[in-house]
Amino acid sequence: MSDFDADDLNAINALIDGMAPLVGLTVDEASRPVVVMHLRTAVRLGRLVLDFPLVDELEHAPVYTP
């Protein structure tokens, strides 16, 4: 959990506050820590994907067509 700073936590809370009403949800204070935990996990996984080094010479996999 040390890979998150106060700015990250502020951004996650802003995301919750901004997105919940758009999708018709109410996040009460008792539920907020669990929502924050799941969003932190999503951010961590996203960073793993975005930070994975790729070289320009790689080619995409062929598309399977039955």
PDB file of N, CA and C in Angstrom:
ATOM      1  N   MET A   1       0.805  -1.194   0.000  1.00  0.00           N
ATOM      2  CA  MET A   1       0.000   0.000   0.000  1.00  0.00           C
ATOM      3  C   MET A   1       0.847   1.257   0.000  1.00  0.00           C
ATOM      4  N   SER A   2       2.132   1.093   0.121  1.00  0.00           N
ATOM      5  CA  SER A   2       3.004   2.265   0.169  1.00  0.00           C
ATOM      6  C   SER A   2       3.171   2.915  -1.197  1.00  0.00           C
ATOM      7  N   ASP A   3       2.650   2.292  -2.248  1.00  0.00           N
ATOM      8  CA  ASP A   3       2.789   2.873  -3.580  1.00  0.00           C
ATOM      9  C   ASP A   3       1.736   3.938  -3.859  1.00  0.00           C
ATOM     10  N   PHE A   4       0.945   4.304  -2.858  1.00  0.00           N
ATOM     11  CA  PHE A   4      -0.067   5.345  -2.999  1.00  0.00           C
ATOM     12  C   PHE A   4       0.269   6.494  -2.075  1.00  0.00           C
ATOM     13  N   ASP A   5       0.156   7.704  -2.602  1.00  0.00           N
ATOM     14  CA  ASP A   5       0.386   8.867  -1.745  1.00  0.00           C
ATOM     15  C   ASP A   5      -0.937   9.601  -1.529  1.00  0.00           C
ATOM     16  N   ALA A   6      -0.867  10.734  -0.832  1.00  0.00           N
ATOM     17  CA  ALA A   6      -2.077  11.492  -0.503  1.00  0.00           C
ATOM     18  C   ALA A   6      -2.787  11.974  -1.761  1.00  0.00           C
ATOM     19  N   ASP A   7      -2.035  12.325  -2.802  1.00  0.00           N
ATOM     20  CA  ASP A   7      -2.663  12.767  -4.050  1.00  0.00           C
ATOM     21  C   ASP A   7      -3.458  11.635  -4.697  1.00  0.00           C
ATOM     22  N   ASP A   8      -2.907  10.420  -4.643  1.00  0.00           N
ATOM     23  CA  ASP A   8      -3.624   9.264  -5.183  1.00  0.00           C
ATOM     24  C   ASP A   8      -4.927   9.042  -4.427  1.00  0.00           C
ATOM     25  N   LEU A   9      -4.858   9.098  -3.106  1.00  0.00           N
ATOM     26  CA  LEU A   9      -6.053   8.891  -2.294  1.00  0.00           C
ATOM     27  C   LEU A   9      -7.083   9.987  -2.542  1.00  0.00           C
ATOM     28  N   ASN A  10      -6.616  11.228  -2.700  1.00  0.00           N
ATOM     29  CA  ASN A  10      -7.533  12.329  -3.022  1.00  0.00           C
ATOM     30  C   ASN A  10      -8.193  12.108  -4.382  1.00  0.00           C
ATOM     31  N   ALA A  11      -7.426  11.627  -5.350  1.00  0.00           N
ATOM     32  CA  ALA A  11      -7.979  11.365  -6.684  1.00  0.00           C
ATOM     33  C   ALA A  11      -9.003  10.235  -6.640  1.00  0.00           C
ATOM     34  N   ILE A  12      -8.722   9.201  -5.861  1.00  0.00           N
ATOM     35  CA  ILE A  12      -9.662   8.084  -5.742  1.00  0.00           C
ATOM     36  C   ILE A  12     -10.953   8.554  -5.081  1.00  0.00           C
ATOM     37  N   ASN A  13     -10.842   9.337  -4.024  1.00  0.00           N
ATOM     38  CA  ASN A  13     -12.047   9.853  -3.364  1.00  0.00           C
ATOM     39  C   ASN A  13     -12.832  10.787  -4.285  1.00  0.00           C
ATOM     40  N   ALA A  14     -12.135  11.589  -5.087  1.00  0.00           N
ATOM     41  CA  ALA A  14     -12.819  12.453  -6.046  1.00  0.00           C
ATOM     42  C   ALA A  14     -13.534  11.615  -7.100  1.00  0.00           C
ATOM     43  N   LEU A  15     -12.914  10.515  -7.510  1.00  0.00           N
ATOM     44  CA  LEU A  15     -13.541   9.618  -8.479  1.00  0.00           C
ATOM     45  C   LEU A  15     -14.821   9.018  -7.906  1.00  0.00           C
ATOM     46  N   ILE A  16     -14.759   8.576  -6.667  1.00  0.00           N
ATOM     47  CA  ILE A  16     -15.953   8.016  -6.013  1.00  0.00           C
ATOM     48  C   ILE A  16     -17.041   9.071  -5.937  1.00  0.00           C
ATOM     49  N   ASP A  17     -16.687  10.265  -5.478  1.00  0.00           N
ATOM     50  CA  ASP A  17     -17.676  11.335  -5.329  1.00  0.00           C
ATOM     51  C   ASP A  17     -18.270  11.763  -6.664  1.00  0.00           C
ATOM     52  N   GLY A  18     -17.472  11.717  -7.727  1.00  0.00           N
ATOM     53  CA  GLY A  18     -17.949  12.153  -9.026  1.00  0.00           C
ATOM     54  C   GLY A  18     -18.703  11.086  -9.800  1.00  0.00           C
ATOM     55  N   MET A  19     -18.270   9.838  -9.679  1.00  0.00           N
ATOM     56  CA  MET A  19     -18.853   8.778 -10.502  1.00  0.00           C
ATOM     57  C   MET A  19     -20.078   8.128  -9.879  1.00  0.00           C
ATOM     58  N   ALA A  20     -20.119   8.006  -8.568  1.00  0.00           N
ATOM     59  CA  ALA A  20     -21.240   7.310  -7.923  1.00  0.00           C
ATOM     60  C   ALA A  20     -22.592   7.882  -8.331  1.00  0.00           C
ATOM     61  N   PRO A  21     -22.773   9.206  -8.294  1.00  0.00           N
ATOM     62  CA  PRO A  21     -24.078   9.739  -8.712  1.00  0.00           C
ATOM     63  C   PRO A  21     -24.396   9.479 -10.189  1.00  0.00           C
ATOM     64  N   LEU A  22     -23.347   9.451 -11.025  1.00  0.00           N
ATOM     65  CA  LEU A  22     -23.577   9.216 -12.450  1.00  0.00           C
ATOM     66  C   LEU A  22     -24.123   7.831 -12.737  1.00  0.00           C
ATOM     67  N   VAL A  23     -23.769   6.857 -11.901  1.00  0.00           N
ATOM     68  CA  VAL A  23     -24.262   5.496 -12.104  1.00  0.00           C
ATOM     69  C   VAL A  23     -25.372   5.147 -11.128  1.00  0.00           C
ATOM     70  N   GLY A  24     -25.873   6.153 -10.425  1.00  0.00           N
ATOM     71  CA  GLY A  24     -27.019   5.956  -9.546  1.00  0.00           C
ATOM     72  C   GLY A  24     -26.707   5.288  -8.219  1.00  0.00           C
ATOM     73  N   LEU A  25     -25.480   5.443  -7.730  1.00  0.00           N
ATOM     74  CA  LEU A  25     -25.097   4.832  -6.468  1.00  0.00           C
ATOM     75  C   LEU A  25     -24.902   5.878  -5.381  1.00  0.00           C
ATOM     76  N   THR A  26     -25.106   5.445  -4.164  1.00  0.00           N
ATOM     77  CA  THR A  26     -24.772   6.249  -3.001  1.00  0.00           C
ATOM     78  C   THR A  26     -23.752   5.464  -2.196  1.00  0.00           C
ATOM     79  N   VAL A  27     -22.603   6.047  -1.959  1.00  0.00           N
ATOM     80  CA  VAL A  27     -21.557   5.369  -1.189  1.00  0.00           C
ATOM     81  C   VAL A  27     -21.544   6.003   0.194  1.00  0.00           C
ATOM     82  N   ASP A  28     -22.046   5.257   1.184  1.00  0.00           N
ATOM     83  CA  ASP A  28     -22.053   5.790   2.540  1.00  0.00           C
ATOM     84  C   ASP A  28     -20.655   5.651   3.155  1.00  0.00           C
ATOM     85  N   GLU A  29     -20.436   6.342   4.250  1.00  0.00           N
ATOM     86  CA  GLU A  29     -19.110   6.368   4.867  1.00  0.00           C
ATOM     87  C   GLU A  29     -18.662   4.990   5.347  1.00  0.00           C
ATOM     88  N   ALA A  30     -19.591   4.126   5.720  1.00  0.00           N
ATOM     89  CA  ALA A  30     -19.219   2.778   6.152  1.00  0.00           C
ATOM     90  C   ALA A  30     -18.702   1.927   4.989  1.00  0.00           C
ATOM     91  N   SER A  31     -19.194   2.213   3.774  1.00  0.00           N
ATOM     92  CA  SER A  31     -18.796   1.443   2.593  1.00  0.00           C
ATOM     93  C   SER A  31     -17.585   2.030   1.882  1.00  0.00           C
ATOM     94  N   ARG A  32     -17.285   3.280   2.128  1.00  0.00           N
ATOM     95  CA  ARG A  32     -16.216   3.972   1.396  1.00  0.00           C
ATOM     96  C   ARG A  32     -14.866   3.254   1.478  1.00  0.00           C
ATOM     97  N   PRO A  33     -14.413   2.767   2.650  1.00  0.00           N
ATOM     98  CA  PRO A  33     -13.103   2.099   2.683  1.00  0.00           C
ATOM     99  C   PRO A  33     -13.013   0.882   1.763  1.00  0.00           C
ATOM    100  N   VAL A  34     -14.094   0.151   1.615  1.00  0.00           N
ATOM    101  CA  VAL A  34     -14.083  -1.020   0.737  1.00  0.00           C
ATOM    102  C   VAL A  34     -14.033  -0.576  -0.725  1.00  0.00           C
ATOM    103  N   VAL A  35     -14.771   0.464  -1.062  1.00  0.00           N
ATOM    104  CA  VAL A  35     -14.744   0.985  -2.432  1.00  0.00           C
ATOM    105  C   VAL A  35     -13.345   1.509  -2.754  1.00  0.00           C
ATOM    106  N   VAL A  36     -12.742   2.228  -1.806  1.00  0.00           N
ATOM    107  CA  VAL A  36     -11.376   2.735  -1.990  1.00  0.00           C
ATOM    108  C   VAL A  36     -10.412   1.566  -2.188  1.00  0.00           C
ATOM    109  N   MET A  37     -10.561   0.507  -1.405  1.00  0.00           N
ATOM    110  CA  MET A  37      -9.690  -0.661  -1.533  1.00  0.00           C
ATOM    111  C   MET A  37      -9.775  -1.251  -2.940  1.00  0.00           C
ATOM    112  N   HIS A  38     -10.988  -1.392  -3.465  1.00  0.00           N
ATOM    113  CA  HIS A  38     -11.150  -1.976  -4.798  1.00  0.00           C
ATOM    114  C   HIS A  38     -10.595  -1.054  -5.881  1.00  0.00           C
ATOM    115  N   LEU A  39     -10.785   0.235  -5.739  1.00  0.00           N
ATOM    116  CA  LEU A  39     -10.235   1.160  -6.729  1.00  0.00           C
ATOM    117  C   LEU A  39      -8.710   1.203  -6.660  1.00  0.00           C
ATOM    118  N   ARG A  40      -8.155   1.103  -5.449  1.00  0.00           N
ATOM    119  CA  ARG A  40      -6.696   1.046  -5.326  1.00  0.00           C
ATOM    120  C   ARG A  40      -6.158  -0.205  -6.016  1.00  0.00           C
ATOM    121  N   THR A  41      -6.863  -1.311  -5.898  1.00  0.00           N
ATOM    122  CA  THR A  41      -6.461  -2.539  -6.583  1.00  0.00           C
ATOM    123  C   THR A  41      -6.512  -2.342  -8.093  1.00  0.00           C
ATOM    124  N   ALA A  42      -7.571  -1.702  -8.582  1.00  0.00           N
ATOM    125  CA  ALA A  42      -7.705  -1.448 -10.021  1.00  0.00           C
ATOM    126  C   ALA A  42      -6.572  -0.548 -10.516  1.00  0.00           C
ATOM    127  N   VAL A  43      -6.232   0.464  -9.740  1.00  0.00           N
ATOM    128  CA  VAL A  43      -5.130   1.361 -10.118  1.00  0.00           C
ATOM    129  C   VAL A  43      -3.815   0.591 -10.142  1.00  0.00           C
ATOM    130  N   ARG A  44      -3.579  -0.226  -9.128  1.00  0.00           N
ATOM    131  CA  ARG A  44      -2.346  -1.006  -9.055  1.00  0.00           C
ATOM    132  C   ARG A  44      -2.228  -1.943 -10.254  1.00  0.00           C
ATOM    133  N   LEU A  45      -3.315  -2.620 -10.620  1.00  0.00           N
ATOM    134  CA  LEU A  45      -3.291  -3.519 -11.776  1.00  0.00           C
ATOM    135  C   LEU A  45      -3.102  -2.750 -13.077  1.00  0.00           C
ATOM    136  N   GLY A  46      -3.745  -1.597 -13.178  1.00  0.00           N
ATOM    137  CA  GLY A  46      -3.573  -0.765 -14.362  1.00  0.00           C
ATOM    138  C   GLY A  46      -2.139  -0.300 -14.527  1.00  0.00           C
ATOM    139  N   ARG A  47      -1.499   0.055 -13.412  1.00  0.00           N
ATOM    140  CA  ARG A  47      -0.100   0.477 -13.473  1.00  0.00           C
ATOM    141  C   ARG A  47       0.801  -0.667 -13.927  1.00  0.00           C
ATOM    142  N   LEU A  48       0.494  -1.890 -13.481  1.00  0.00           N
ATOM    143  CA  LEU A  48       1.286  -3.042 -13.929  1.00  0.00           C
ATOM    144  C   LEU A  48       1.226  -3.191 -15.444  1.00  0.00           C
ATOM    145  N   VAL A  49       0.043  -3.038 -15.999  1.00  0.00           N
ATOM    146  CA  VAL A  49      -0.123  -3.172 -17.450  1.00  0.00           C
ATOM    147  C   VAL A  49       0.566  -2.022 -18.180  1.00  0.00           C
ATOM    148  N   LEU A  50       0.341  -0.797 -17.726  1.00  0.00           N
ATOM    149  CA  LEU A  50       0.908   0.362 -18.411  1.00  0.00           C
ATOM    150  C   LEU A  50       2.423   0.454 -18.273  1.00  0.00           C
ATOM    151  N   ASP A  51       2.967  -0.062 -17.177  1.00  0.00           N
ATOM    152  CA  ASP A  51       4.409   0.016 -16.950  1.00  0.00           C
ATOM    153  C   ASP A  51       5.186  -1.158 -17.536  1.00  0.00           C
ATOM    154  N   PHE A  52       4.483  -2.129 -18.107  1.00  0.00           N
ATOM    155  CA  PHE A  52       5.159  -3.297 -18.676  1.00  0.00           C
ATOM    156  C   PHE A  52       5.945  -2.870 -19.909  1.00  0.00           C
ATOM    157  N   PRO A  53       7.241  -3.154 -19.914  1.00  0.00           N
ATOM    158  CA  PRO A  53       8.064  -2.689 -21.043  1.00  0.00           C
ATOM    159  C   PRO A  53       7.797  -3.510 -22.312  1.00  0.00           C
ATOM    160  N   LEU A  54       7.577  -2.806 -23.384  1.00  0.00           N
ATOM    161  CA  LEU A  54       7.404  -3.438 -24.691  1.00  0.00           C
ATOM    162  C   LEU A  54       8.399  -2.813 -25.663  1.00  0.00           C
ATOM    163  N   VAL A  55       8.913  -3.614 -26.545  1.00  0.00           N
ATOM    164  CA  VAL A  55       9.820  -3.093 -27.561  1.00  0.00           C
ATOM    165  C   VAL A  55       9.035  -2.884 -28.847  1.00  0.00           C
ATOM    166  N   ASP A  56       9.500  -1.971 -29.661  1.00  0.00           N
ATOM    167  CA  ASP A  56       8.791  -1.627 -30.893  1.00  0.00           C
ATOM    168  C   ASP A  56       8.745  -2.772 -31.897  1.00  0.00           C
ATOM    169  N   GLU A  57       9.668  -3.722 -31.792  1.00  0.00           N
ATOM    170  CA  GLU A  57       9.741  -4.806 -32.764  1.00  0.00           C
ATOM    171  C   GLU A  57       8.704  -5.904 -32.528  1.00  0.00           C
ATOM    172  N   LEU A  58       7.992  -5.875 -31.425  1.00  0.00           N
ATOM    173  CA  LEU A  58       6.989  -6.896 -31.148  1.00  0.00           C
ATOM    174  C   LEU A  58       5.821  -6.796 -32.119  1.00  0.00           C
ATOM    175  N   GLU A  59       5.281  -7.944 -32.482  1.00  0.00           N
ATOM    176  CA  GLU A  59       4.116  -7.974 -33.355  1.00  0.00           C
ATOM    177  C   GLU A  59       2.931  -8.526 -32.583  1.00  0.00           C
ATOM    178  N   HIS A  60       1.753  -8.079 -32.909  1.00  0.00           N
ATOM    179  CA  HIS A  60       0.556  -8.574 -32.227  1.00  0.00           C
ATOM    180  C   HIS A  60       0.286 -10.018 -32.643  1.00  0.00           C
ATOM    181  N   ALA A  61      -0.428 -10.695 -31.806  1.00  0.00           N
ATOM    182  CA  ALA A  61      -0.767 -12.087 -32.087  1.00  0.00           C
ATOM    183  C   ALA A  61      -1.762 -12.140 -33.239  1.00  0.00           C
ATOM    184  N   PRO A  62      -1.736 -13.210 -34.024  1.00  0.00           N
ATOM    185  CA  PRO A  62      -2.702 -13.329 -35.115  1.00  0.00           C
ATOM    186  C   PRO A  62      -4.119 -13.498 -34.545  1.00  0.00           C
ATOM    187  N   VAL A  63      -5.079 -13.127 -35.332  1.00  0.00           N
ATOM    188  CA  VAL A  63      -6.474 -13.259 -34.940  1.00  0.00           C
ATOM    189  C   VAL A  63      -6.959 -14.633 -35.349  1.00  0.00           C
ATOM    190  N   TYR A  64      -7.541 -15.366 -34.397  1.00  0.00           N
ATOM    191  CA  TYR A  64      -8.073 -16.687 -34.698  1.00  0.00           C
ATOM    192  C   TYR A  64      -9.417 -16.534 -35.389  1.00  0.00           C
ATOM    193  N   THR A  65      -9.561 -17.152 -36.535  1.00  0.00           N
ATOM    194  CA  THR A  65     -10.815 -17.164 -37.266  1.00  0.00           C
ATOM    195  C   THR A  65     -11.169 -18.609 -37.563  1.00  0.00           C
ATOM    196  N   PRO A  66     -12.242 -19.109 -36.946  1.00  0.00           N
ATOM    197  CA  PRO A  66     -12.609 -20.524 -37.176  1.00  0.00           C
ATOM    198  C   PRO A  66     -13.050 -20.775 -38.605  1.00  0.00           C
TER     199      PRO A  66
END
